[in-house]
Amino acid sequence: METVNVSGLKNNPTAALRKAREDVVVVMNRDRPDALMVGLQATGVLDVAGVRPALATALFRDGHLSLARSARLADMPVAEFIRHVSRLGIPVIRLDAEEAARDMETLDQWLASS
């Protein structure tokens, strides 16, 4: 087990990540354990059936990964990942009313010019 303090994590996160790839890293905050860092590759958790798609889905749903990167993490073609998240009720395209109105205006202009 390795340890790193919060300031060390802030100043050199790469070193903590390297350590986490080999062993569990305890993040200390004022001499108290505050968090754990665990390397996913070392644990083999990403090789368990269903973990990659579940992780990719959650990261996409919460806006942390793009559609293409999520599909890559899930080890799925983009079209298959789109079907996957759609079945779960997760919108693939997120537009607010203003963005949708702008897109409709652009479409109307394009159609008028064709």
PDB file of N, CA and C in Angstrom:
ATOM      1  N   MET A   1       0.836  -1.169   0.000  1.00  0.00           N
ATOM      2  CA  MET A   1       0.000   0.000   0.000  1.00  0.00           C
ATOM      3  C   MET A   1       0.888   1.241   0.000  1.00  0.00           C
ATOM      4  N   GLU A   2       0.484   2.227  -0.785  1.00  0.00           N
ATOM      5  CA  GLU A   2       1.219   3.483  -0.882  1.00  0.00           C
ATOM      6  C   GLU A   2       0.375   4.599  -0.286  1.00  0.00           C
ATOM      7  N   THR A   3       1.024   5.711   0.058  1.00  0.00           N
ATOM      8  CA  THR A   3       0.289   6.882   0.533  1.00  0.00           C
ATOM      9  C   THR A   3       0.773   8.115  -0.207  1.00  0.00           C
ATOM     10  N   VAL A   4      -0.112   9.077  -0.302  1.00  0.00           N
ATOM     11  CA  VAL A   4       0.216  10.382  -0.866  1.00  0.00           C
ATOM     12  C   VAL A   4      -0.647  11.394  -0.118  1.00  0.00           C
ATOM     13  N   ASN A   5      -0.082  12.561   0.161  1.00  0.00           N
ATOM     14  CA  ASN A   5      -0.903  13.569   0.817  1.00  0.00           C
ATOM     15  C   ASN A   5      -1.591  14.432  -0.249  1.00  0.00           C
ATOM     16  N   VAL A   6      -2.591  15.178   0.160  1.00  0.00           N
ATOM     17  CA  VAL A   6      -3.394  15.960  -0.783  1.00  0.00           C
ATOM     18  C   VAL A   6      -2.528  16.941  -1.558  1.00  0.00           C
ATOM     19  N   SER A   7      -1.595  17.589  -0.883  1.00  0.00           N
ATOM     20  CA  SER A   7      -0.743  18.553  -1.599  1.00  0.00           C
ATOM     21  C   SER A   7       0.152  17.840  -2.610  1.00  0.00           C
ATOM     22  N   GLY A   8       0.631  16.649  -2.268  1.00  0.00           N
ATOM     23  CA  GLY A   8       1.424  15.875  -3.219  1.00  0.00           C
ATOM     24  C   GLY A   8       0.592  15.447  -4.414  1.00  0.00           C
ATOM     25  N   LEU A   9      -0.660  15.123  -4.169  1.00  0.00           N
ATOM     26  CA  LEU A   9      -1.565  14.746  -5.250  1.00  0.00           C
ATOM     27  C   LEU A   9      -1.832  15.939  -6.156  1.00  0.00           C
ATOM     28  N   LYS A  10      -1.995  17.095  -5.545  1.00  0.00           N
ATOM     29  CA  LYS A  10      -2.251  18.316  -6.312  1.00  0.00           C
ATOM     30  C   LYS A  10      -1.033  18.710  -7.143  1.00  0.00           C
ATOM     31  N   ASN A  11       0.152  18.616  -6.550  1.00  0.00           N
ATOM     32  CA  ASN A  11       1.377  19.041  -7.229  1.00  0.00           C
ATOM     33  C   ASN A  11       1.869  18.048  -8.276  1.00  0.00           C
ATOM     34  N   ASN A  12       1.644  16.753  -8.036  1.00  0.00           N
ATOM     35  CA  ASN A  12       2.146  15.745  -8.962  1.00  0.00           C
ATOM     36  C   ASN A  12       1.166  14.572  -9.062  1.00  0.00           C
ATOM     37  N   PRO A  13       0.017  14.794  -9.716  1.00  0.00           N
ATOM     38  CA  PRO A  13      -0.968  13.713  -9.806  1.00  0.00           C
ATOM     39  C   PRO A  13      -0.456  12.507 -10.597  1.00  0.00           C
ATOM     40  N   THR A  14       0.455  12.727 -11.526  1.00  0.00           N
ATOM     41  CA  THR A  14       0.984  11.627 -12.333  1.00  0.00           C
ATOM     42  C   THR A  14       1.689  10.589 -11.472  1.00  0.00           C
ATOM     43  N   ALA A  15       2.435  11.040 -10.485  1.00  0.00           N
ATOM     44  CA  ALA A  15       3.145  10.095  -9.605  1.00  0.00           C
ATOM     45  C   ALA A  15       2.147   9.234  -8.839  1.00  0.00           C
ATOM     46  N   ALA A  16       1.068   9.843  -8.351  1.00  0.00           N
ATOM     47  CA  ALA A  16       0.057   9.079  -7.619  1.00  0.00           C
ATOM     48  C   ALA A  16      -0.638   8.077  -8.546  1.00  0.00           C
ATOM     49  N   LEU A  17      -0.910   8.483  -9.772  1.00  0.00           N
ATOM     50  CA  LEU A  17      -1.548   7.568 -10.724  1.00  0.00           C
ATOM     51  C   LEU A  17      -0.629   6.397 -11.056  1.00  0.00           C
ATOM     52  N   ARG A  18       0.659   6.680 -11.206  1.00  0.00           N
ATOM     53  CA  ARG A  18       1.620   5.596 -11.464  1.00  0.00           C
ATOM     54  C   ARG A  18       1.621   4.597 -10.312  1.00  0.00           C
ATOM     55  N   LYS A  19       1.614   5.136  -9.087  1.00  0.00           N
ATOM     56  CA  LYS A  19       1.586   4.260  -7.914  1.00  0.00           C
ATOM     57  C   LYS A  19       0.299   3.436  -7.882  1.00  0.00           C
ATOM     58  N   ALA A  20      -0.831   4.063  -8.247  1.00  0.00           N
ATOM     59  CA  ALA A  20      -2.124   3.379  -8.197  1.00  0.00           C
ATOM     60  C   ALA A  20      -2.215   2.255  -9.224  1.00  0.00           C
ATOM     61  N   ARG A  21      -1.425   2.333 -10.281  1.00  0.00           N
ATOM     62  CA  ARG A  21      -1.425   1.252 -11.267  1.00  0.00           C
ATOM     63  C   ARG A  21      -0.812  -0.023 -10.696  1.00  0.00           C
ATOM     64  N   GLU A  22       0.006   0.127  -9.668  1.00  0.00           N
ATOM     65  CA  GLU A  22       0.690  -1.024  -9.086  1.00  0.00           C
ATOM     66  C   GLU A  22       0.116  -1.473  -7.752  1.00  0.00           C
ATOM     67  N   ASP A  23      -0.480  -0.538  -6.999  1.00  0.00           N
ATOM     68  CA  ASP A  23      -0.965  -0.871  -5.666  1.00  0.00           C
ATOM     69  C   ASP A  23      -2.021   0.152  -5.265  1.00  0.00           C
ATOM     70  N   VAL A  24      -2.723  -0.127  -4.189  1.00  0.00           N
ATOM     71  CA  VAL A  24      -3.704   0.811  -3.649  1.00  0.00           C
ATOM     72  C   VAL A  24      -2.962   2.010  -3.071  1.00  0.00           C
ATOM     73  N   VAL A  25      -3.469   3.196  -3.344  1.00  0.00           N
ATOM     74  CA  VAL A  25      -2.871   4.426  -2.815  1.00  0.00           C
ATOM     75  C   VAL A  25      -3.880   5.081  -1.883  1.00  0.00           C
ATOM     76  N   VAL A  26      -3.458   5.352  -0.671  1.00  0.00           N
ATOM     77  CA  VAL A  26      -4.301   6.049   0.296  1.00  0.00           C
ATOM     78  C   VAL A  26      -3.946   7.532   0.227  1.00  0.00           C
ATOM     79  N   VAL A  27      -4.958   8.360  -0.004  1.00  0.00           N
ATOM     80  CA  VAL A  27      -4.750   9.809  -0.041  1.00  0.00           C
ATOM     81  C   VAL A  27      -4.994  10.332   1.367  1.00  0.00           C
ATOM     82  N   MET A  28      -3.962  10.963   1.910  1.00  0.00           N
ATOM     83  CA  MET A  28      -4.022  11.483   3.279  1.00  0.00           C
ATOM     84  C   MET A  28      -4.328  12.972   3.256  1.00  0.00           C
ATOM     85  N   ASN A  29      -5.190  13.394   4.170  1.00  0.00           N
ATOM     86  CA  ASN A  29      -5.524  14.797   4.323  1.00  0.00           C
ATOM     87  C   ASN A  29      -5.339  15.157   5.791  1.00  0.00           C
ATOM     88  N   ARG A  30      -4.293  15.918   6.071  1.00  0.00           N
ATOM     89  CA  ARG A  30      -3.956  16.298   7.448  1.00  0.00           C
ATOM     90  C   ARG A  30      -3.815  15.063   8.346  1.00  0.00           C
ATOM     91  N   ASP A  31      -3.014  14.145   7.913  1.00  0.00           N
ATOM     92  CA  ASP A  31      -2.710  12.929   8.660  1.00  0.00           C
ATOM     93  C   ASP A  31      -3.907  12.003   8.875  1.00  0.00           C
ATOM     94  N   ARG A  32      -4.944  12.163   8.068  1.00  0.00           N
ATOM     95  CA  ARG A  32      -6.097  11.273   8.126  1.00  0.00           C
ATOM     96  C   ARG A  32      -6.361  10.715   6.738  1.00  0.00           C
ATOM     97  N   PRO A  33      -6.669   9.434   6.630  1.00  0.00           N
ATOM     98  CA  PRO A  33      -7.004   8.877   5.311  1.00  0.00           C
ATOM     99  C   PRO A  33      -8.286   9.514   4.791  1.00  0.00           C
ATOM    100  N   ASP A  34      -8.244   9.965   3.543  1.00  0.00           N
ATOM    101  CA  ASP A  34      -9.373  10.694   2.973  1.00  0.00           C
ATOM    102  C   ASP A  34      -9.975   9.977   1.754  1.00  0.00           C
ATOM    103  N   ALA A  35      -9.143   9.282   0.991  1.00  0.00           N
ATOM    104  CA  ALA A  35      -9.633   8.626  -0.222  1.00  0.00           C
ATOM    105  C   ALA A  35      -8.695   7.487  -0.603  1.00  0.00           C
ATOM    106  N   LEU A  36      -9.192   6.632  -1.475  1.00  0.00           N
ATOM    107  CA  LEU A  36      -8.383   5.547  -2.027  1.00  0.00           C
ATOM    108  C   LEU A  36      -8.289   5.717  -3.532  1.00  0.00           C
ATOM    109  N   MET A  37      -7.121   5.431  -4.071  1.00  0.00           N
ATOM    110  CA  MET A  37      -6.939   5.378  -5.518  1.00  0.00           C
ATOM    111  C   MET A  37      -6.582   3.939  -5.862  1.00  0.00           C
ATOM    112  N   VAL A  38      -7.329   3.389  -6.814  1.00  0.00           N
ATOM    113  CA  VAL A  38      -7.106   2.006  -7.219  1.00  0.00           C
ATOM    114  C   VAL A  38      -6.976   1.982  -8.735  1.00  0.00           C
ATOM    115  N   GLY A  39      -5.919   1.407  -9.229  1.00  0.00           N
ATOM    116  CA  GLY A  39      -5.732   1.287 -10.669  1.00  0.00           C
ATOM    117  C   GLY A  39      -6.672   0.246 -11.243  1.00  0.00           C
ATOM    118  N   LEU A  40      -7.487   0.641 -12.183  1.00  0.00           N
ATOM    119  CA  LEU A  40      -8.476  -0.278 -12.746  1.00  0.00           C
ATOM    120  C   LEU A  40      -7.843  -1.398 -13.552  1.00  0.00           C
ATOM    121  N   GLN A  41      -6.763  -1.113 -14.257  1.00  0.00           N
ATOM    122  CA  GLN A  41      -6.115  -2.153 -15.054  1.00  0.00           C
ATOM    123  C   GLN A  41      -5.542  -3.243 -14.152  1.00  0.00           C
ATOM    124  N   ALA A  42      -4.914  -2.841 -13.056  1.00  0.00           N
ATOM    125  CA  ALA A  42      -4.271  -3.807 -12.162  1.00  0.00           C
ATOM    126  C   ALA A  42      -5.278  -4.726 -11.488  1.00  0.00           C
ATOM    127  N   THR A  43      -6.467  -4.210 -11.196  1.00  0.00           N
ATOM    128  CA  THR A  43      -7.469  -5.026 -10.521  1.00  0.00           C
ATOM    129  C   THR A  43      -8.168  -5.984 -11.470  1.00  0.00           C
ATOM    130  N   GLY A  44      -8.110  -5.691 -12.758  1.00  0.00           N
ATOM    131  CA  GLY A  44      -8.793  -6.522 -13.740  1.00  0.00           C
ATOM    132  C   GLY A  44     -10.290  -6.272 -13.788  1.00  0.00           C
ATOM    133  N   VAL A  45     -10.762  -5.260 -13.076  1.00  0.00           N
ATOM    134  CA  VAL A  45     -12.198  -4.992 -13.016  1.00  0.00           C
ATOM    135  C   VAL A  45     -12.769  -4.645 -14.392  1.00  0.00           C
ATOM    136  N   LEU A  46     -11.971  -4.039 -15.258  1.00  0.00           N
ATOM    137  CA  LEU A  46     -12.466  -3.683 -16.586  1.00  0.00           C
ATOM    138  C   LEU A  46     -12.664  -4.899 -17.479  1.00  0.00           C
ATOM    139  N   ASP A  47     -12.103  -6.029 -17.088  1.00  0.00           N
ATOM    140  CA  ASP A  47     -12.254  -7.248 -17.873  1.00  0.00           C
ATOM    141  C   ASP A  47     -13.491  -8.062 -17.479  1.00  0.00           C
ATOM    142  N   VAL A  48     -14.150  -7.673 -16.397  1.00  0.00           N
ATOM    143  CA  VAL A  48     -15.359  -8.366 -15.959  1.00  0.00           C
ATOM    144  C   VAL A  48     -16.498  -7.985 -16.908  1.00  0.00           C
ATOM    145  N   ALA A  49     -17.259  -8.974 -17.328  1.00  0.00           N
ATOM    146  CA  ALA A  49     -18.350  -8.742 -18.279  1.00  0.00           C
ATOM    147  C   ALA A  49     -19.301  -7.654 -17.788  1.00  0.00           C
ATOM    148  N   GLY A  50     -19.588  -6.712 -18.663  1.00  0.00           N
ATOM    149  CA  GLY A  50     -20.553  -5.659 -18.364  1.00  0.00           C
ATOM    150  C   GLY A  50     -19.993  -4.426 -17.707  1.00  0.00           C
ATOM    151  N   VAL A  51     -18.768  -4.488 -17.201  1.00  0.00           N
ATOM    152  CA  VAL A  51     -18.217  -3.334 -16.482  1.00  0.00           C
ATOM    153  C   VAL A  51     -17.897  -2.190 -17.441  1.00  0.00           C
ATOM    154  N   ARG A  52     -17.244  -2.485 -18.554  1.00  0.00           N
ATOM    155  CA  ARG A  52     -16.895  -1.427 -19.511  1.00  0.00           C
ATOM    156  C   ARG A  52     -18.145  -0.698 -20.022  1.00  0.00           C
ATOM    157  N   PRO A  53     -19.176  -1.417 -20.495  1.00  0.00           N
ATOM    158  CA  PRO A  53     -20.368  -0.704 -20.951  1.00  0.00           C
ATOM    159  C   PRO A  53     -21.046   0.100 -19.838  1.00  0.00           C
ATOM    160  N   ALA A  54     -21.076  -0.446 -18.631  1.00  0.00           N
ATOM    161  CA  ALA A  54     -21.710   0.269 -17.516  1.00  0.00           C
ATOM    162  C   ALA A  54     -20.939   1.545 -17.175  1.00  0.00           C
ATOM    163  N   LEU A  55     -19.623   1.448 -17.126  1.00  0.00           N
ATOM    164  CA  LEU A  55     -18.798   2.616 -16.827  1.00  0.00           C
ATOM    165  C   LEU A  55     -18.927   3.656 -17.937  1.00  0.00           C
ATOM    166  N   ALA A  56     -18.859   3.212 -19.180  1.00  0.00           N
ATOM    167  CA  ALA A  56     -18.981   4.127 -20.324  1.00  0.00           C
ATOM    168  C   ALA A  56     -20.342   4.814 -20.324  1.00  0.00           C
ATOM    169  N   THR A  57     -21.385   4.058 -20.016  1.00  0.00           N
ATOM    170  CA  THR A  57     -22.741   4.614 -19.994  1.00  0.00           C
ATOM    171  C   THR A  57     -22.871   5.689 -18.923  1.00  0.00           C
ATOM    172  N   ALA A  58     -22.378   5.410 -17.738  1.00  0.00           N
ATOM    173  CA  ALA A  58     -22.467   6.382 -16.640  1.00  0.00           C
ATOM    174  C   ALA A  58     -21.660   7.642 -16.958  1.00  0.00           C
ATOM    175  N   LEU A  59     -20.463   7.470 -17.510  1.00  0.00           N
ATOM    176  CA  LEU A  59     -19.639   8.637 -17.842  1.00  0.00           C
ATOM    177  C   LEU A  59     -20.263   9.462 -18.964  1.00  0.00           C
ATOM    178  N   PHE A  60     -20.885   8.812 -19.940  1.00  0.00           N
ATOM    179  CA  PHE A  60     -21.567   9.527 -21.013  1.00  0.00           C
ATOM    180  C   PHE A  60     -22.802  10.248 -20.478  1.00  0.00           C
ATOM    181  N   ARG A  61     -23.608   9.533 -19.702  1.00  0.00           N
ATOM    182  CA  ARG A  61     -24.836  10.103 -19.143  1.00  0.00           C
ATOM    183  C   ARG A  61     -24.552  11.371 -18.342  1.00  0.00           C
ATOM    184  N   ASP A  62     -23.459  11.351 -17.587  1.00  0.00           N
ATOM    185  CA  ASP A  62     -23.120  12.490 -16.730  1.00  0.00           C
ATOM    186  C   ASP A  62     -22.319  13.569 -17.454  1.00  0.00           C
ATOM    187  N   GLY A  63     -22.059  13.361 -18.754  1.00  0.00           N
ATOM    188  CA  GLY A  63     -21.385  14.379 -19.550  1.00  0.00           C
ATOM    189  C   GLY A  63     -19.877  14.413 -19.410  1.00  0.00           C
ATOM    190  N   HIS A  64     -19.282  13.360 -18.879  1.00  0.00           N
ATOM    191  CA  HIS A  64     -17.834  13.339 -18.691  1.00  0.00           C
ATOM    192  C   HIS A  64     -17.082  12.804 -19.897  1.00  0.00           C
ATOM    193  N   LEU A  65     -17.767  12.029 -20.742  1.00  0.00           N
ATOM    194  CA  LEU A  65     -17.145  11.501 -21.962  1.00  0.00           C
ATOM    195  C   LEU A  65     -18.056  11.770 -23.148  1.00  0.00           C
ATOM    196  N   SER A  66     -17.447  11.997 -24.299  1.00  0.00           N
ATOM    197  CA  SER A  66     -18.216  12.166 -25.529  1.00  0.00           C
ATOM    198  C   SER A  66     -18.810  10.830 -25.953  1.00  0.00           C
ATOM    199  N   LEU A  67     -19.685  10.885 -26.926  1.00  0.00           N
ATOM    200  CA  LEU A  67     -20.303   9.674 -27.446  1.00  0.00           C
ATOM    201  C   LEU A  67     -19.249   8.724 -28.012  1.00  0.00           C
ATOM    202  N   ALA A  68     -18.343   9.249 -28.830  1.00  0.00           N
ATOM    203  CA  ALA A  68     -17.318   8.407 -29.457  1.00  0.00           C
ATOM    204  C   ALA A  68     -16.379   7.792 -28.420  1.00  0.00           C
ATOM    205  N   ARG A  69     -15.946   8.575 -27.454  1.00  0.00           N
ATOM    206  CA  ARG A  69     -15.045   8.038 -26.425  1.00  0.00           C
ATOM    207  C   ARG A  69     -15.746   7.016 -25.536  1.00  0.00           C
ATOM    208  N   SER A  70     -17.020   7.265 -25.268  1.00  0.00           N
ATOM    209  CA  SER A  70     -17.790   6.306 -24.473  1.00  0.00           C
ATOM    210  C   SER A  70     -17.936   4.984 -25.213  1.00  0.00           C
ATOM    211  N   ALA A  71     -18.219   5.068 -26.508  1.00  0.00           N
ATOM    212  CA  ALA A  71     -18.341   3.849 -27.312  1.00  0.00           C
ATOM    213  C   ALA A  71     -17.027   3.083 -27.314  1.00  0.00           C
ATOM    214  N   ARG A  72     -15.915   3.809 -27.425  1.00  0.00           N
ATOM    215  CA  ARG A  72     -14.596   3.165 -27.419  1.00  0.00           C
ATOM    216  C   ARG A  72     -14.343   2.474 -26.081  1.00  0.00           C
ATOM    217  N   LEU A  73     -14.667   3.162 -24.970  1.00  0.00           N
ATOM    218  CA  LEU A  73     -14.492   2.560 -23.646  1.00  0.00           C
ATOM    219  C   LEU A  73     -15.364   1.314 -23.493  1.00  0.00           C
ATOM    220  N   ALA A  74     -16.588   1.380 -24.012  1.00  0.00           N
ATOM    221  CA  ALA A  74     -17.501   0.246 -23.926  1.00  0.00           C
ATOM    222  C   ALA A  74     -17.117  -0.876 -24.878  1.00  0.00           C
ATOM    223  N   ASP A  75     -16.153  -0.601 -25.751  1.00  0.00           N
ATOM    224  CA  ASP A  75     -15.716  -1.562 -26.761  1.00  0.00           C
ATOM    225  C   ASP A  75     -16.867  -1.926 -27.698  1.00  0.00           C
ATOM    226  N   MET A  76     -17.594  -0.869 -28.137  1.00  0.00           N
ATOM    227  CA  MET A  76     -18.729  -1.031 -29.038  1.00  0.00           C
ATOM    228  C   MET A  76     -18.578  -0.059 -30.203  1.00  0.00           C
ATOM    229  N   PRO A  77     -19.101  -0.429 -31.366  1.00  0.00           N
ATOM    230  CA  PRO A  77     -19.203   0.571 -32.431  1.00  0.00           C
ATOM    231  C   PRO A  77     -20.139   1.693 -31.970  1.00  0.00           C
ATOM    232  N   VAL A  78     -19.958   2.895 -32.496  1.00  0.00           N
ATOM    233  CA  VAL A  78     -20.760   4.043 -32.059  1.00  0.00           C
ATOM    234  C   VAL A  78     -22.253   3.763 -32.247  1.00  0.00           C
ATOM    235  N   ALA A  79     -22.639   3.197 -33.385  1.00  0.00           N
ATOM    236  CA  ALA A  79     -24.061   2.929 -33.637  1.00  0.00           C
ATOM    237  C   ALA A  79     -24.640   1.982 -32.576  1.00  0.00           C
ATOM    238  N   GLU A  80     -23.876   0.984 -32.186  1.00  0.00           N
ATOM    239  CA  GLU A  80     -24.343   0.047 -31.159  1.00  0.00           C
ATOM    240  C   GLU A  80     -24.454   0.742 -29.805  1.00  0.00           C
ATOM    241  N   PHE A  81     -23.494   1.623 -29.492  1.00  0.00           N
ATOM    242  CA  PHE A  81     -23.548   2.350 -28.223  1.00  0.00           C
ATOM    243  C   PHE A  81     -24.751   3.293 -28.205  1.00  0.00           C
ATOM    244  N   ILE A  82     -25.055   3.911 -29.345  1.00  0.00           N
ATOM    245  CA  ILE A  82     -26.235   4.778 -29.435  1.00  0.00           C
ATOM    246  C   ILE A  82     -27.497   3.971 -29.122  1.00  0.00           C
ATOM    247  N   ARG A  83     -27.621   2.792 -29.720  1.00  0.00           N
ATOM    248  CA  ARG A  83     -28.784   1.933 -29.430  1.00  0.00           C
ATOM    249  C   ARG A  83     -28.819   1.556 -27.944  1.00  0.00           C
ATOM    250  N   HIS A  84     -27.658   1.245 -27.399  1.00  0.00           N
ATOM    251  CA  HIS A  84     -27.551   0.846 -25.989  1.00  0.00           C
ATOM    252  C   HIS A  84     -28.064   1.946 -25.060  1.00  0.00           C
ATOM    253  N   VAL A  85     -27.550   3.166 -25.216  1.00  0.00           N
ATOM    254  CA  VAL A  85     -27.973   4.251 -24.314  1.00  0.00           C
ATOM    255  C   VAL A  85     -29.412   4.673 -24.589  1.00  0.00           C
ATOM    256  N   SER A  86     -29.840   4.568 -25.844  1.00  0.00           N
ATOM    257  CA  SER A  86     -31.225   4.916 -26.167  1.00  0.00           C
ATOM    258  C   SER A  86     -32.199   3.968 -25.475  1.00  0.00           C
ATOM    259  N   ARG A  87     -31.866   2.670 -25.455  1.00  0.00           N
ATOM    260  CA  ARG A  87     -32.716   1.706 -24.756  1.00  0.00           C
ATOM    261  C   ARG A  87     -32.822   2.031 -23.265  1.00  0.00           C
ATOM    262  N   LEU A  88     -31.786   2.663 -22.735  1.00  0.00           N
ATOM    263  CA  LEU A  88     -31.775   3.025 -21.312  1.00  0.00           C
ATOM    264  C   LEU A  88     -32.433   4.379 -21.052  1.00  0.00           C
ATOM    265  N   GLY A  89     -32.906   5.030 -22.122  1.00  0.00           N
ATOM    266  CA  GLY A  89     -33.571   6.323 -21.970  1.00  0.00           C
ATOM    267  C   GLY A  89     -32.609   7.490 -21.813  1.00  0.00           C
ATOM    268  N   ILE A  90     -31.365   7.295 -22.190  1.00  0.00           N
ATOM    269  CA  ILE A  90     -30.363   8.365 -22.102  1.00  0.00           C
ATOM    270  C   ILE A  90     -30.308   9.075 -23.444  1.00  0.00           C
ATOM    271  N   PRO A  91     -30.564  10.374 -23.473  1.00  0.00           N
ATOM    272  CA  PRO A  91     -30.543  11.084 -24.754  1.00  0.00           C
ATOM    273  C   PRO A  91     -29.137  11.132 -25.348  1.00  0.00           C
ATOM    274  N   VAL A  92     -29.060  10.899 -26.640  1.00  0.00           N
ATOM    275  CA  VAL A  92     -27.781  10.928 -27.336  1.00  0.00           C
ATOM    276  C   VAL A  92     -27.417  12.362 -27.700  1.00  0.00           C
ATOM    277  N   ILE A  93     -28.431  13.152 -28.039  1.00  0.00           N
ATOM    278  CA  ILE A  93     -28.220  14.553 -28.387  1.00  0.00           C
ATOM    279  C   ILE A  93     -28.878  15.392 -27.309  1.00  0.00           C
ATOM    280  N   ARG A  94     -28.117  16.315 -26.775  1.00  0.00           N
ATOM    281  CA  ARG A  94     -28.634  17.178 -25.706  1.00  0.00           C
ATOM    282  C   ARG A  94     -28.639  18.620 -26.205  1.00  0.00           C
ATOM    283  N   LEU A  95     -29.813  19.129 -26.486  1.00  0.00           N
ATOM    284  CA  LEU A  95     -29.952  20.514 -26.913  1.00  0.00           C
ATOM    285  C   LEU A  95     -30.946  21.212 -26.002  1.00  0.00           C
ATOM    286  N   ASP A  96     -30.644  22.476 -25.676  1.00  0.00           N
ATOM    287  CA  ASP A  96     -31.662  23.242 -24.976  1.00  0.00           C
ATOM    288  C   ASP A  96     -32.558  23.883 -26.040  1.00  0.00           C
ATOM    289  N   ALA A  97     -33.609  24.557 -25.623  1.00  0.00           N
ATOM    290  CA  ALA A  97     -34.589  25.115 -26.562  1.00  0.00           C
ATOM    291  C   ALA A  97     -33.953  26.116 -27.522  1.00  0.00           C
ATOM    292  N   GLU A  98     -33.026  26.903 -27.012  1.00  0.00           N
ATOM    293  CA  GLU A  98     -32.366  27.910 -27.851  1.00  0.00           C
ATOM    294  C   GLU A  98     -31.509  27.251 -28.943  1.00  0.00           C
ATOM    295  N   GLU A  99     -30.761  26.220 -28.568  1.00  0.00           N
ATOM    296  CA  GLU A  99     -29.935  25.508 -29.549  1.00  0.00           C
ATOM    297  C   GLU A  99     -30.800  24.817 -30.595  1.00  0.00           C
ATOM    298  N   ALA A 100     -31.899  24.235 -30.155  1.00  0.00           N
ATOM    299  CA  ALA A 100     -32.805  23.575 -31.091  1.00  0.00           C
ATOM    300  C   ALA A 100     -33.404  24.577 -32.063  1.00  0.00           C
ATOM    301  N   ALA A 101     -33.780  25.754 -31.566  1.00  0.00           N
ATOM    302  CA  ALA A 101     -34.342  26.804 -32.434  1.00  0.00           C
ATOM    303  C   ALA A 101     -33.315  27.259 -33.465  1.00  0.00           C
ATOM    304  N   ARG A 102     -32.053  27.438 -33.036  1.00  0.00           N
ATOM    305  CA  ARG A 102     -30.989  27.829 -33.977  1.00  0.00           C
ATOM    306  C   ARG A 102     -30.792  26.757 -35.040  1.00  0.00           C
ATOM    307  N   ASP A 103     -30.801  25.496 -34.621  1.00  0.00           N
ATOM    308  CA  ASP A 103     -30.648  24.404 -35.582  1.00  0.00           C
ATOM    309  C   ASP A 103     -31.804  24.376 -36.573  1.00  0.00           C
ATOM    310  N   MET A 104     -33.010  24.620 -36.101  1.00  0.00           N
ATOM    311  CA  MET A 104     -34.174  24.643 -36.996  1.00  0.00           C
ATOM    312  C   MET A 104     -34.073  25.802 -37.989  1.00  0.00           C
ATOM    313  N   GLU A 105     -33.596  26.966 -37.537  1.00  0.00           N
ATOM    314  CA  GLU A 105     -33.399  28.107 -38.435  1.00  0.00           C
ATOM    315  C   GLU A 105     -32.377  27.769 -39.512  1.00  0.00           C
ATOM    316  N   THR A 106     -31.289  27.151 -39.100  1.00  0.00           N
ATOM    317  CA  THR A 106     -30.251  26.758 -40.055  1.00  0.00           C
ATOM    318  C   THR A 106     -30.816  25.762 -41.064  1.00  0.00           C
ATOM    319  N   LEU A 107     -31.594  24.823 -40.594  1.00  0.00           N
ATOM    320  CA  LEU A 107     -32.206  23.840 -41.495  1.00  0.00           C
ATOM    321  C   LEU A 107     -33.167  24.520 -42.471  1.00  0.00           C
ATOM    322  N   ASP A 108     -33.981  25.450 -41.963  1.00  0.00           N
ATOM    323  CA  ASP A 108     -34.913  26.177 -42.843  1.00  0.00           C
ATOM    324  C   ASP A 108     -34.163  26.957 -43.908  1.00  0.00           C
ATOM    325  N   GLN A 109     -33.060  27.612 -43.518  1.00  0.00           N
ATOM    326  CA  GLN A 109     -32.241  28.367 -44.492  1.00  0.00           C
ATOM    327  C   GLN A 109     -31.641  27.437 -45.529  1.00  0.00           C
ATOM    328  N   TRP A 110     -31.154  26.297 -45.090  1.00  0.00           N
ATOM    329  CA  TRP A 110     -30.544  25.345 -45.995  1.00  0.00           C
ATOM    330  C   TRP A 110     -31.578  24.796 -46.977  1.00  0.00           C
ATOM    331  N   LEU A 111     -32.761  24.461 -46.459  1.00  0.00           N
ATOM    332  CA  LEU A 111     -33.824  23.941 -47.317  1.00  0.00           C
ATOM    333  C   LEU A 111     -34.290  24.991 -48.329  1.00  0.00           C
ATOM    334  N   ALA A 112     -34.355  26.250 -47.902  1.00  0.00           N
ATOM    335  CA  ALA A 112     -34.782  27.337 -48.795  1.00  0.00           C
ATOM    336  C   ALA A 112     -33.765  27.575 -49.910  1.00  0.00           C
ATOM    337  N   SER A 113     -32.498  27.331 -49.616  1.00  0.00           N
ATOM    338  CA  SER A 113     -31.442  27.589 -50.618  1.00  0.00           C
ATOM    339  C   SER A 113     -31.248  26.407 -51.565  1.00  0.00           C
ATOM    340  N   SER A 114     -31.860  25.272 -51.277  1.00  0.00           N
ATOM    341  CA  SER A 114     -31.641  24.077 -52.118  1.00  0.00           C
ATOM    342  C   SER A 114     -32.550  24.067 -53.320  1.00  0.00           C
TER     343      SER A 114
END
